[in-house]
Amino acid sequence: MKKNLQGVSAHPKDLPSNAELKRLLNLALTRLENWKVEVETNPNPHMVHILKNIIGHIESITRLYDIKVKYSYKTLSRQMSVLVDEVAKMNIAITDSLMEDDLIDEKEEEYINESLRKVFQAAVDLIRIVQQAFMLRQSISETPQTGKSQSS
């Protein structure tokens, strides 16, 4: 299993969920806000070290997000190929069935129906991937203070 820079497995099942990423980002941003208040009230050289620490946390969260997005695109591309493959198999089953006598017998119909079921399953899996990617982008685009989109 490949490891990223922080020693976290690059497999998406080993990455934090979207909700956990959002929670971690909110915590880091809260720490940054607290740091700003502390710098204004009690500036000292130690505050630079604390700021580096906070920025390190934010960079780690950003890298995790980037890994998730990269994996999502690979998964999306693969699932699109699976869907195209299943559609092609179904088309071959239909044309092979019609090749001999322009009729589809019961056994051929069962095979075509099974192919159609596989096409539907591949399409549902593709839709699920797209929905998960949309939810990830939506949760990242929300501001932590209000929960509203930054474009609002």
Protein backbone atom coordinates (compact mmCIF):
# COMPACT_ATOMS: atom_id res chain seq x y z
CA MET A 1 0.00 0.00 0.00
CA LYS A 2 1.40 3.40 -0.95
CA LYS A 3 1.85 5.99 1.76
CA ASN A 4 1.54 9.74 1.34
CA LEU A 5 3.87 12.28 2.93
CA GLN A 6 2.23 11.99 6.37
CA GLY A 7 2.37 8.17 6.37
CA VAL A 8 -1.36 7.89 5.66
CA SER A 9 -2.33 5.15 3.23
CA ALA A 10 -3.25 6.59 -0.14
CA HIS A 11 -6.25 4.27 -0.38
CA PRO A 12 -9.52 6.19 0.07
CA LYS A 13 -10.86 3.76 2.66
CA ASP A 14 -7.95 4.78 4.88
CA LEU A 15 -8.65 8.50 4.44
CA PRO A 16 -10.97 10.46 6.73
CA SER A 17 -14.57 10.88 5.62
CA ASN A 18 -15.74 14.16 4.12
CA ALA A 19 -17.41 15.06 7.42
CA GLU A 20 -14.20 14.31 9.33
CA LEU A 21 -12.16 16.43 6.88
CA LYS A 22 -14.60 19.28 7.38
CA ARG A 23 -14.40 18.90 11.17
CA LEU A 24 -10.59 18.90 11.06
CA LEU A 25 -10.59 21.99 8.87
CA ASN A 26 -13.02 23.75 11.21
CA LEU A 27 -10.78 22.91 14.18
CA ALA A 28 -7.71 24.25 12.38
CA LEU A 29 -9.51 27.44 11.41
CA THR A 30 -10.72 27.89 14.99
CA ARG A 31 -7.13 27.50 16.18
CA LEU A 32 -6.08 30.12 13.63
CA GLU A 33 -8.75 32.54 14.85
CA ASN A 34 -7.65 31.96 18.46
CA TRP A 35 -4.05 32.57 17.41
CA LYS A 36 -5.02 35.91 15.82
CA VAL A 37 -6.68 37.02 19.06
CA GLU A 38 -3.68 35.89 21.11
CA VAL A 39 -1.22 37.73 18.82
CA GLU A 40 -3.21 40.94 19.19
CA THR A 41 -3.38 40.68 22.98
CA ASN A 42 -0.03 39.06 23.81
CA PRO A 43 2.51 39.14 20.93
CA ASN A 44 5.65 37.08 21.57
CA PRO A 45 8.20 35.04 19.57
CA HIS A 46 6.55 31.76 20.54
CA MET A 47 3.51 32.78 18.46
CA VAL A 48 5.50 32.21 15.23
CA HIS A 49 6.04 28.57 16.21
CA ILE A 50 2.33 28.16 16.96
CA LEU A 51 1.42 29.70 13.58
CA LYS A 52 3.74 27.25 11.76
CA ASN A 53 2.05 24.41 13.62
CA ILE A 54 -1.43 25.59 12.60
CA ILE A 55 -0.37 26.06 8.97
CA GLY A 56 1.10 22.54 9.01
CA HIS A 57 -2.28 21.17 10.11
CA ILE A 58 -4.10 23.05 7.36
CA GLU A 59 -1.58 21.82 4.75
CA SER A 60 -2.04 18.22 5.92
CA ILE A 61 -5.82 18.54 5.62
CA THR A 62 -5.40 20.03 2.15
CA ARG A 63 -3.17 17.11 1.07
CA LEU A 64 -5.75 14.61 2.32
CA TYR A 65 -8.45 16.43 0.35
CA ASP A 66 -6.25 16.41 -2.77
CA ILE A 67 -5.66 12.66 -2.43
CA LYS A 68 -9.42 12.08 -2.12
CA VAL A 69 -10.14 14.20 -5.21
CA LYS A 70 -7.44 12.45 -7.28
CA TYR A 71 -8.82 9.08 -6.27
CA SER A 72 -12.34 10.21 -7.12
CA TYR A 73 -11.32 11.09 -10.67
CA LYS A 74 -9.60 7.73 -11.14
CA THR A 75 -12.63 5.95 -9.75
CA LEU A 76 -14.96 7.98 -11.96
CA SER A 77 -12.92 7.22 -15.07
CA ARG A 78 -12.81 3.53 -14.25
CA GLN A 79 -16.53 3.31 -13.55
CA MET A 80 -17.32 5.10 -16.81
CA SER A 81 -15.26 2.41 -18.59
CA VAL A 82 -17.15 -0.32 -16.74
CA LEU A 83 -20.48 1.20 -17.83
CA VAL A 84 -19.38 1.46 -21.47
CA ASP A 85 -18.15 -2.15 -21.31
CA GLU A 86 -21.46 -3.40 -19.90
CA VAL A 87 -23.43 -1.52 -22.57
CA ALA A 88 -21.21 -3.02 -25.27
CA LYS A 89 -21.74 -6.54 -23.85
CA MET A 90 -25.49 -6.00 -23.84
CA ASN A 91 -25.43 -4.74 -27.44
CA ILE A 92 -23.42 -7.78 -28.51
CA ALA A 93 -25.89 -10.09 -26.72
CA ILE A 94 -28.82 -8.45 -28.51
CA THR A 95 -27.20 -8.48 -31.96
CA ASP A 96 -25.96 -12.09 -31.51
CA SER A 97 -29.50 -13.11 -30.53
CA LEU A 98 -30.96 -11.49 -33.62
CA MET A 99 -28.19 -12.68 -35.96
CA GLU A 100 -29.61 -16.13 -36.75
CA ASP A 101 -33.38 -15.67 -36.95
CA ASP A 102 -34.31 -12.09 -36.01
CA LEU A 103 -35.99 -13.50 -32.90
CA ILE A 104 -35.02 -13.59 -29.24
CA ASP A 105 -35.81 -16.88 -27.51
CA GLU A 106 -36.33 -17.31 -23.76
CA LYS A 107 -32.71 -18.21 -22.96
CA GLU A 108 -31.42 -15.24 -24.97
CA GLU A 109 -33.96 -12.97 -23.28
CA GLU A 110 -32.72 -14.05 -19.85
CA TYR A 111 -29.14 -13.34 -20.89
CA ILE A 112 -30.11 -9.91 -22.30
CA ASN A 113 -32.08 -9.08 -19.14
CA GLU A 114 -29.04 -10.03 -17.02
CA SER A 115 -26.89 -7.78 -19.22
CA LEU A 116 -29.41 -4.97 -18.76
CA ARG A 117 -29.28 -5.47 -14.98
CA LYS A 118 -25.48 -5.14 -15.11
CA VAL A 119 -25.80 -1.94 -17.16
CA PHE A 120 -28.18 -0.48 -14.57
CA GLN A 121 -25.87 -1.50 -11.71
CA ALA A 122 -22.86 0.08 -13.43
CA ALA A 123 -24.90 3.27 -14.02
CA VAL A 124 -26.00 3.38 -10.36
CA ASP A 125 -22.39 2.94 -9.23
CA LEU A 126 -21.34 5.79 -11.53
CA ILE A 127 -24.10 8.03 -10.17
CA ARG A 128 -22.97 7.22 -6.61
CA ILE A 129 -19.39 8.29 -7.43
CA VAL A 130 -20.60 11.56 -8.96
CA GLN A 131 -22.84 12.28 -5.96
CA GLN A 132 -20.00 11.62 -3.50
CA ALA A 133 -17.69 13.96 -5.43
CA PHE A 134 -20.41 16.63 -5.50
CA MET A 135 -20.98 16.31 -1.74
CA LEU A 136 -17.21 16.58 -1.13
CA ARG A 137 -16.94 19.78 -3.16
CA GLN A 138 -20.06 21.18 -1.51
CA SER A 139 -18.76 20.50 2.02
CA ILE A 140 -15.38 22.09 1.21
CA SER A 141 -16.98 25.21 -0.31
CA GLU A 142 -19.01 25.94 2.83
CA THR A 143 -17.55 28.49 5.19
CA PRO A 144 -16.89 27.12 8.66
CA GLN A 145 -18.35 30.11 10.51
CA THR A 146 -21.79 30.23 8.89
CA GLY A 147 -22.19 26.93 7.07
CA LYS A 148 -23.22 28.87 3.97
CA SER A 149 -21.60 28.72 0.59
CA GLN A 150 -18.85 31.27 -0.02
CA SER A 151 -20.54 32.29 -3.27
CA SER A 152 -23.74 33.27 -1.41
